[in-house]
Amino acid sequence: MNDRTGADSAYSWDRSFRLWDTYFALIWLATLAFVLGTGHPGWPVRVTAAALLVPLIPLFVWTGRPLLKGDPPPERQALGYLVAMTALFLSSAILVGETRLMTFALVPQCFMTLRMRWAITMVALINLAPVVGWSLLWWPSDQDVFSNGLFALVTLIFSVAVGSWVIRIIEQSQERAALIAELDVSRHQVSRLSAAHGALAERERMAREIHDTLAQGFTSLLMLVQAVEAELDHDLPQARRHLTLMDETARLNLAEARALVADGTPADLDGATLPDALFRLAARHSARLDVTGPARPLPAGPEVVALRSCQEALTNCRKHAGSPVAVAIGLDYTDDVLTLSVRDDGHGFDPGAAHDGYGLAGLRARATEVGGTVRVRSTPGGGTTVTVELPVPPPRSCS
């Protein structure tokens, strides 16, 4: 809870408690007026009963109010406070029956500060003891005893019923407060876990991007360096061509790094269509590209996945298929699916066997993010075909 919320809550509670202060003061004044204004017993007794009511005010202000504001109030101290209040109240109520009006200010405090068992005990004492003591002191008529006793019994039943309801409301409020606190803790935990999950997802995305761009570029550079070293002594023209390709690969890797930092479009797709980007990629890997279906602009998501998948498949061909191999790239546009296939006639492998590396797992993860699927068909000695199917929006019809 922030400081402002806590201040508002404290202010609201103090403001609502002032209503309780006003209620207690009005009941006390009304009781004092009834005690002093009654016609029986005599004036000295009424003054004595009124004097016994006076200490209720400082006792409530100095002891009762802090206890009532406790959450929860200390029961031992609350019981001592209510015993003192009840003793003064009973002394006055036995002398003058009109003092029983003060019951309406004492009974709520019992339920606000004590557990149910002690609250009911104190409420029964406050309702019944004044009638018993008043009857034994003044010996009124049977009719007065019956009417006062009946009134006390009805008041007791009403007090217990209302007090029990109040206690249930308080308990439910405390349970709700505890539940809200738990929910608040859970919300912070969910927020923390969500942030951790987001960071993990971002790390995985960055790992895929680095693997599919920079790592593949550096792999190409290393292979070209090896080729140049082998060609320098006997085939300088081919070595120069490979050096030119190294320059292009390094520049492309630099562009990919800048795009990765800026979280922008892959360098091959910057200002180019997907078929154009795949054509340049196929040329760098001496592969053949076939495009079928009417090519059209697509959202960035499927195009990036198609490009990265092709890069990954071609890198796997270079590293694992053997040399030389023939590689064919197919790009097929249909109304709602974009299909990329990369096929080679290399060594192949067993797709069911365990394989180290990040390539195929990252390729599948990319396709899954845009709702696509990946199929890998390969047999030892029979080449490999990687097929990626990506859902795309249908072409707009011309009206």
Protein backbone atom coordinates (compact mmCIF):
# COMPACT_ATOMS: atom_id res chain seq x y z
CA MET A 1 0.00 0.00 0.00
CA ASN A 2 1.46 3.34 -0.93
CA ASP A 3 1.62 6.31 1.42
CA ARG A 4 -1.31 8.09 -0.18
CA THR A 5 -3.57 5.04 0.05
CA GLY A 6 -2.58 4.50 3.69
CA ALA A 7 -3.28 8.15 4.51
CA ASP A 8 -6.68 8.01 2.80
CA SER A 9 -7.59 4.81 4.67
CA ALA A 10 -6.57 6.30 8.01
CA TYR A 11 -8.55 9.45 7.31
CA SER A 12 -11.63 7.45 6.32
CA TRP A 13 -11.40 5.35 9.48
CA ASP A 14 -10.98 8.42 11.72
CA ARG A 15 -13.93 10.10 10.02
CA SER A 16 -16.16 7.04 10.46
CA PHE A 17 -15.07 6.70 14.10
CA ARG A 18 -16.23 10.24 14.79
CA LEU A 19 -19.75 9.01 14.05
CA TRP A 20 -19.31 6.40 16.76
CA ASP A 21 -18.06 9.14 19.14
CA THR A 22 -21.16 11.17 18.36
CA TYR A 23 -23.41 8.15 18.88
CA PHE A 24 -21.84 7.37 22.28
CA ALA A 25 -22.10 11.01 23.38
CA LEU A 26 -25.79 11.25 22.37
CA ILE A 27 -26.67 8.02 24.22
CA TRP A 28 -24.81 9.22 27.31
CA LEU A 29 -26.54 12.63 27.27
CA ALA A 30 -29.96 11.05 26.73
CA THR A 31 -29.34 8.62 29.61
CA LEU A 32 -28.23 11.46 31.89
CA ALA A 33 -31.35 13.45 30.98
CA PHE A 34 -33.66 10.47 31.66
CA VAL A 35 -31.97 9.75 34.99
CA LEU A 36 -32.22 13.33 36.23
CA GLY A 37 -35.70 13.87 34.80
CA THR A 38 -37.47 10.79 36.17
CA GLY A 39 -39.94 11.17 39.03
CA HIS A 40 -38.71 8.20 41.08
CA PRO A 41 -36.64 7.67 43.17
CA GLY A 42 -35.79 10.83 45.03
CA TRP A 43 -33.48 13.57 43.98
CA PRO A 44 -30.41 12.47 46.02
CA VAL A 45 -30.56 8.98 44.47
CA ARG A 46 -30.89 10.37 40.96
CA VAL A 47 -27.92 12.69 41.48
CA THR A 48 -25.88 9.74 42.75
CA ALA A 49 -26.86 7.65 39.70
CA ALA A 50 -25.97 10.55 37.39
CA ALA A 51 -22.61 11.00 39.15
CA LEU A 52 -21.82 7.33 38.50
CA LEU A 53 -22.35 7.98 34.78
CA VAL A 54 -19.81 10.80 34.62
CA PRO A 55 -16.64 8.59 34.74
CA LEU A 56 -17.90 6.74 31.66
CA ILE A 57 -16.82 9.65 29.46
CA PRO A 58 -13.08 9.81 30.40
CA LEU A 59 -12.95 6.01 30.61
CA PHE A 60 -14.25 5.76 27.06
CA VAL A 61 -12.05 8.55 25.69
CA TRP A 62 -8.78 7.46 27.30
CA THR A 63 -9.20 3.69 27.25
CA GLY A 64 -12.16 2.65 25.10
CA ARG A 65 -11.38 4.56 21.92
CA PRO A 66 -7.78 3.24 21.55
CA LEU A 67 -9.03 -0.30 22.19
CA LEU A 68 -11.85 0.00 19.68
CA LYS A 69 -9.39 1.24 17.07
CA GLY A 70 -7.17 -1.80 17.57
CA ASP A 71 -7.12 -4.36 14.74
CA PRO A 72 -7.80 -6.63 16.52
CA PRO A 73 -8.10 -5.04 19.97
CA PRO A 74 -6.23 -6.83 22.80
CA GLU A 75 -8.96 -8.93 24.41
CA ARG A 76 -7.55 -8.91 27.95
CA GLN A 77 -7.41 -5.11 28.06
CA ALA A 78 -10.79 -4.86 26.37
CA LEU A 79 -12.34 -7.17 28.97
CA GLY A 80 -10.89 -5.07 31.80
CA TYR A 81 -12.23 -1.90 30.20
CA LEU A 82 -15.73 -3.32 29.74
CA VAL A 83 -15.80 -4.69 33.28
CA ALA A 84 -15.02 -1.21 34.61
CA MET A 85 -17.66 0.39 32.36
CA THR A 86 -20.24 -2.27 33.34
CA ALA A 87 -19.54 -1.82 37.05
CA LEU A 88 -20.26 1.91 36.85
CA PHE A 89 -23.26 1.29 34.62
CA LEU A 90 -24.76 -1.39 36.91
CA SER A 91 -24.30 0.76 40.01
CA SER A 92 -26.27 3.54 38.36
CA ALA A 93 -28.84 1.25 36.70
CA ILE A 94 -29.70 -0.48 39.98
CA LEU A 95 -30.41 2.88 41.57
CA VAL A 96 -32.37 4.34 38.63
CA GLY A 97 -33.95 2.08 36.00
CA GLU A 98 -33.72 4.72 33.27
CA THR A 99 -29.96 4.22 33.23
CA ARG A 100 -30.59 1.08 31.18
CA LEU A 101 -30.75 3.30 28.10
CA MET A 102 -26.94 3.28 28.27
CA THR A 103 -27.15 -0.36 27.19
CA PHE A 104 -27.34 0.80 23.56
CA ALA A 105 -23.84 2.31 23.89
CA LEU A 106 -22.23 -0.55 25.83
CA VAL A 107 -23.52 -3.61 23.96
CA PRO A 108 -21.91 -2.71 20.58
CA GLN A 109 -18.54 -2.28 22.27
CA CYS A 110 -18.74 -5.85 23.61
CA PHE A 111 -19.09 -7.26 20.12
CA MET A 112 -16.46 -4.90 18.71
CA THR A 113 -13.74 -5.92 21.17
CA LEU A 114 -14.46 -9.43 22.53
CA ARG A 115 -14.79 -12.91 21.14
CA MET A 116 -18.30 -14.31 20.84
CA ARG A 117 -18.31 -16.22 24.15
CA TRP A 118 -17.14 -13.30 26.24
CA ALA A 119 -19.26 -10.83 24.26
CA ILE A 120 -22.49 -12.76 24.92
CA THR A 121 -21.58 -13.11 28.62
CA MET A 122 -21.03 -9.36 29.00
CA VAL A 123 -24.18 -8.54 27.00
CA ALA A 124 -26.30 -10.85 29.19
CA LEU A 125 -24.85 -9.19 32.29
CA ILE A 126 -25.52 -5.68 30.96
CA ASN A 127 -29.14 -6.52 30.01
CA LEU A 128 -30.29 -8.70 32.91
CA ALA A 129 -28.29 -7.66 35.98
CA PRO A 130 -29.77 -4.10 36.17
CA VAL A 131 -33.33 -5.45 36.29
CA VAL A 132 -32.46 -8.02 38.97
CA GLY A 133 -30.60 -5.49 41.10
CA TRP A 134 -33.25 -2.78 40.63
CA SER A 135 -36.00 -5.24 41.62
CA LEU A 136 -34.17 -6.40 44.75
CA LEU A 137 -33.42 -2.83 45.80
CA TRP A 138 -36.82 -1.18 45.27
CA TRP A 139 -39.24 -4.13 45.36
CA PRO A 140 -41.52 -2.73 42.61
CA SER A 141 -44.88 -4.23 41.70
CA ASP A 142 -45.08 -7.57 39.93
CA GLN A 143 -46.30 -5.82 36.78
CA ASP A 144 -43.27 -3.50 36.75
CA VAL A 145 -40.93 -6.42 37.32
CA PHE A 146 -42.57 -8.40 34.50
CA SER A 147 -42.53 -5.52 32.00
CA ASN A 148 -38.94 -4.55 32.79
CA GLY A 149 -37.81 -8.17 32.74
CA LEU A 150 -39.57 -8.80 29.42
CA PHE A 151 -38.01 -5.66 27.97
CA ALA A 152 -34.56 -6.78 29.17
CA LEU A 153 -35.05 -10.25 27.67
CA VAL A 154 -36.17 -8.85 24.32
CA THR A 155 -33.23 -6.44 24.35
CA LEU A 156 -30.87 -9.31 25.13
CA ILE A 157 -32.18 -11.42 22.25
CA PHE A 158 -32.01 -8.49 19.87
CA SER A 159 -28.49 -7.61 21.06
CA VAL A 160 -27.22 -11.16 20.59
CA ALA A 161 -28.81 -11.44 17.15
CA VAL A 162 -27.45 -8.10 15.92
CA GLY A 163 -24.11 -8.61 17.65
CA SER A 164 -23.65 -12.05 16.08
CA TRP A 165 -24.39 -10.56 12.70
CA VAL A 166 -21.89 -7.77 13.35
CA ILE A 167 -19.21 -10.26 14.38
CA ARG A 168 -19.80 -12.32 11.25
CA ILE A 169 -19.49 -9.18 9.15
CA ILE A 170 -16.24 -8.28 10.93
CA GLU A 171 -14.87 -11.81 10.44
CA GLN A 172 -15.84 -11.76 6.77
CA SER A 173 -14.18 -8.37 6.39
CA GLN A 174 -11.02 -9.69 8.02
CA GLU A 175 -11.09 -12.74 5.73
CA ARG A 176 -11.56 -10.48 2.72
CA ALA A 177 -8.68 -8.30 3.90
CA ALA A 178 -6.47 -11.38 4.27
CA LEU A 179 -7.57 -12.60 0.83
CA ILE A 180 -6.86 -9.20 -0.70
CA ALA A 181 -3.42 -9.23 0.91
CA GLU A 182 -2.77 -12.72 -0.51
CA LEU A 183 -4.00 -11.61 -3.92
CA ASP A 184 -1.74 -8.59 -3.76
CA VAL A 185 1.23 -10.82 -2.94
CA SER A 186 0.20 -13.21 -5.73
CA ARG A 187 -0.14 -10.29 -8.13
CA HIS A 188 3.41 -9.18 -7.35
CA GLN A 189 4.63 -12.76 -7.77
CA VAL A 190 2.82 -13.08 -11.11
CA SER A 191 4.26 -9.75 -12.20
CA ARG A 192 7.75 -10.87 -11.20
CA LEU A 193 7.32 -14.24 -12.95
CA SER A 194 5.91 -12.50 -16.01
CA ALA A 195 8.92 -10.22 -16.14
CA ALA A 196 11.22 -13.22 -15.75
CA HIS A 197 9.32 -15.07 -18.48
CA GLY A 198 9.53 -12.03 -20.74
CA ALA A 199 13.27 -11.79 -20.14
CA LEU A 200 13.68 -15.51 -20.87
CA ALA A 201 11.61 -15.21 -24.05
CA GLU A 202 13.70 -12.22 -25.13
CA ARG A 203 16.92 -14.15 -24.46
CA GLU A 204 15.61 -17.04 -26.52
CA ARG A 205 14.65 -14.66 -29.33
CA MET A 206 18.07 -13.04 -29.25
CA ALA A 207 19.71 -16.46 -29.23
CA ARG A 208 17.75 -17.45 -32.34
CA GLU A 209 18.57 -14.16 -34.07
CA ILE A 210 22.29 -14.47 -33.30
CA HIS A 211 22.33 -18.11 -34.36
CA ASP A 212 20.46 -17.43 -37.60
CA THR A 213 22.45 -14.33 -38.55
CA LEU A 214 25.83 -13.64 -36.96
CA ALA A 215 26.76 -17.24 -36.11
CA GLN A 216 25.86 -18.44 -39.61
CA GLY A 217 27.77 -15.55 -41.17
CA PHE A 218 30.87 -16.31 -39.14
CA THR A 219 30.56 -19.99 -40.07
CA SER A 220 30.45 -18.99 -43.74
CA LEU A 221 33.50 -16.78 -43.28
CA LEU A 222 35.48 -19.59 -41.65
CA MET A 223 34.60 -21.99 -44.46
CA LEU A 224 35.55 -19.39 -47.07
CA VAL A 225 38.87 -18.78 -45.29
CA GLN A 226 39.59 -22.51 -45.45
CA ALA A 227 38.68 -22.55 -49.14
CA VAL A 228 40.94 -19.57 -49.90
CA GLU A 229 43.85 -21.16 -48.03
CA ALA A 230 43.48 -24.29 -50.18
CA GLU A 231 43.22 -22.28 -53.44
CA LEU A 232 46.02 -19.71 -53.02
CA ASP A 233 48.73 -22.03 -54.40
CA HIS A 234 46.95 -23.39 -57.47
CA ASP A 235 43.75 -21.41 -58.26
CA LEU A 236 44.15 -17.67 -57.68
CA PRO A 237 41.04 -16.64 -59.70
CA GLN A 238 38.83 -18.90 -57.56
CA ALA A 239 40.53 -17.61 -54.41
CA ARG A 240 39.79 -14.03 -55.47
CA ARG A 241 36.14 -14.94 -56.05
CA HIS A 242 35.99 -16.44 -52.59
CA LEU A 243 37.65 -13.32 -51.14
CA THR A 244 34.97 -11.21 -52.82
CA LEU A 245 32.32 -13.49 -51.32
CA MET A 246 33.99 -13.12 -47.91
CA ASP A 247 33.76 -9.33 -48.26
CA GLU A 248 30.05 -9.57 -49.13
CA THR A 249 29.41 -11.97 -46.25
CA ALA A 250 31.23 -9.75 -43.75
CA ARG A 251 29.31 -6.67 -44.91
CA LEU A 252 26.04 -8.58 -44.69
CA ASN A 253 26.96 -9.80 -41.19
CA LEU A 254 27.66 -6.19 -40.17
CA ALA A 255 24.28 -5.11 -41.55
CA GLU A 256 22.60 -7.99 -39.70
CA ALA A 257 24.31 -6.96 -36.46
CA ARG A 258 23.11 -3.38 -36.87
CA ALA A 259 19.57 -4.58 -37.64
CA LEU A 260 19.68 -6.87 -34.60
CA VAL A 261 20.72 -4.01 -32.31
CA ALA A 262 18.01 -1.79 -33.79
CA ASP A 263 15.47 -4.68 -33.75
CA GLY A 264 14.77 -3.87 -37.37
CA THR A 265 14.17 -5.76 -40.61
CA PRO A 266 16.78 -8.39 -41.59
CA ALA A 267 19.37 -6.97 -43.97
CA ASP A 268 18.32 -9.27 -46.84
CA LEU A 269 14.72 -8.05 -46.60
CA ASP A 270 15.55 -4.37 -46.20
CA GLY A 271 13.95 -2.75 -49.25
CA ALA A 272 13.51 -6.09 -51.05
CA THR A 273 10.81 -8.69 -51.55
CA LEU A 274 11.04 -12.17 -50.06
CA PRO A 275 11.77 -13.83 -53.45
CA ASP A 276 14.54 -11.29 -54.09
CA ALA A 277 16.08 -11.94 -50.66
CA LEU A 278 15.92 -15.71 -51.18
CA PHE A 279 17.43 -15.34 -54.67
CA ARG A 280 20.48 -13.51 -53.26
CA LEU A 281 20.74 -16.07 -50.47
CA ALA A 282 20.55 -18.94 -52.98
CA ALA A 283 23.27 -17.32 -55.10
CA ARG A 284 25.62 -17.10 -52.12
CA HIS A 285 25.13 -20.82 -51.48
CA SER A 286 25.11 -21.94 -55.13
CA ALA A 287 21.53 -23.16 -54.75
CA ARG A 288 18.60 -23.10 -57.16
CA LEU A 289 15.42 -21.14 -56.32
CA ASP A 290 11.97 -21.93 -57.71
CA VAL A 291 9.03 -19.65 -56.91
CA THR A 292 5.52 -20.92 -57.64
CA GLY A 293 2.23 -19.14 -57.22
CA PRO A 294 1.63 -15.41 -57.44
CA ALA A 295 4.19 -13.70 -55.21
CA ARG A 296 2.77 -10.86 -53.13
CA PRO A 297 3.78 -8.69 -50.15
CA LEU A 298 3.14 -10.43 -46.83
CA PRO A 299 3.33 -9.33 -43.17
CA ALA A 300 6.84 -9.08 -41.78
CA GLY A 301 6.40 -12.05 -39.44
CA PRO A 302 6.00 -14.86 -41.99
CA GLU A 303 8.60 -13.34 -44.35
CA VAL A 304 11.23 -13.10 -41.59
CA VAL A 305 10.52 -16.68 -40.47
CA ALA A 306 10.77 -17.92 -44.07
CA LEU A 307 14.08 -16.12 -44.59
CA ARG A 308 15.59 -17.28 -41.29
CA SER A 309 14.40 -20.86 -41.93
CA CYS A 310 16.05 -20.85 -45.33
CA GLN A 311 19.27 -19.50 -43.83
CA GLU A 312 19.25 -22.22 -41.18
CA ALA A 313 18.53 -25.01 -43.67
CA LEU A 314 21.30 -23.84 -46.01
CA THR A 315 23.79 -23.61 -43.14
CA ASN A 316 22.92 -27.15 -42.10
CA CYS A 317 23.45 -28.28 -45.69
CA ARG A 318 26.90 -26.70 -45.76
CA LYS A 319 27.90 -28.16 -42.39
CA HIS A 320 26.35 -31.63 -42.53
CA ALA A 321 25.31 -32.66 -46.04
CA GLY A 322 28.82 -33.14 -47.40
CA SER A 323 30.41 -31.51 -50.46
CA PRO A 324 29.57 -31.01 -53.18
CA VAL A 325 25.78 -31.23 -52.94
CA ALA A 326 22.95 -29.93 -55.06
CA VAL A 327 20.54 -27.70 -53.14
CA ALA A 328 17.09 -26.65 -54.34
CA ILE A 329 14.96 -24.00 -52.65
CA GLY A 330 11.22 -23.88 -53.26
CA LEU A 331 8.90 -21.01 -52.37
CA ASP A 332 5.21 -21.61 -52.96
CA TYR A 333 2.51 -18.96 -52.55
CA THR A 334 -1.10 -20.09 -52.06
CA ASP A 335 -4.13 -18.19 -50.82
CA ASP A 336 -3.56 -18.88 -47.12
CA VAL A 337 -0.22 -20.73 -46.79
CA LEU A 338 3.37 -19.81 -47.63
CA THR A 339 5.51 -22.94 -48.07
CA LEU A 340 9.30 -22.94 -48.05
CA SER A 341 11.25 -26.10 -48.84
CA VAL A 342 14.99 -26.66 -48.89
CA ARG A 343 16.16 -29.95 -50.39
CA ASP A 344 19.67 -31.36 -50.75
CA ASP A 345 21.10 -34.66 -51.96
CA GLY A 346 23.72 -34.94 -49.25
CA HIS A 347 24.51 -37.56 -46.63
CA GLY A 348 21.17 -37.23 -44.79
CA PHE A 349 20.58 -38.38 -41.22
CA ASP A 350 18.12 -40.23 -38.98
CA PRO A 351 15.49 -37.68 -37.82
CA GLY A 352 14.54 -39.93 -34.89
CA ALA A 353 18.05 -39.90 -33.40
CA ALA A 354 19.12 -37.34 -30.83
CA HIS A 355 21.02 -34.38 -32.24
CA ASP A 356 23.00 -31.66 -30.53
CA GLY A 357 22.71 -28.06 -31.55
CA TYR A 358 20.19 -25.29 -31.65
CA GLY A 359 19.33 -25.12 -35.35
CA LEU A 360 16.26 -27.32 -35.86
CA ALA A 361 14.85 -26.49 -32.40
CA GLY A 362 15.18 -22.77 -33.11
CA LEU A 363 13.68 -23.23 -36.58
CA ARG A 364 10.62 -24.98 -35.09
CA ALA A 365 10.30 -22.33 -32.38
CA ARG A 366 10.27 -19.55 -34.97
CA ALA A 367 7.59 -21.26 -37.04
CA THR A 368 5.45 -21.96 -33.97
CA GLU A 369 5.48 -18.28 -32.99
CA VAL A 370 3.59 -17.39 -36.19
CA GLY A 371 1.36 -20.49 -36.16
CA GLY A 372 3.44 -22.46 -38.66
CA THR A 373 4.81 -26.00 -38.80
CA VAL A 374 8.11 -27.59 -39.75
CA ARG A 375 8.65 -31.02 -41.31
CA VAL A 376 12.05 -32.64 -41.75
CA ARG A 377 12.39 -35.67 -44.03
CA SER A 378 15.77 -37.37 -44.25
CA THR A 379 17.34 -40.80 -44.52
CA PRO A 380 21.01 -41.73 -44.19
CA GLY A 381 22.48 -41.42 -47.68
CA GLY A 382 19.20 -40.12 -49.16
CA GLY A 383 19.47 -36.36 -48.62
CA THR A 384 17.33 -34.04 -46.52
CA THR A 385 14.23 -31.95 -47.15
CA VAL A 386 13.10 -29.24 -44.73
CA THR A 387 9.57 -27.94 -45.30
CA VAL A 388 8.14 -24.93 -43.48
CA GLU A 389 4.45 -24.05 -43.82
CA LEU A 390 3.35 -20.64 -42.56
CA PRO A 391 -0.22 -19.28 -42.45
CA VAL A 392 -0.61 -15.99 -44.33
CA PRO A 393 -3.54 -13.67 -44.96
CA PRO A 394 -5.34 -14.31 -48.26
CA PRO A 395 -4.77 -11.85 -51.11
CA ARG A 396 -7.14 -8.94 -51.33
CA SER A 397 -9.73 -9.29 -54.04
CA CYS A 398 -10.16 -6.41 -56.46
CA SER A 399 -13.72 -5.11 -56.56
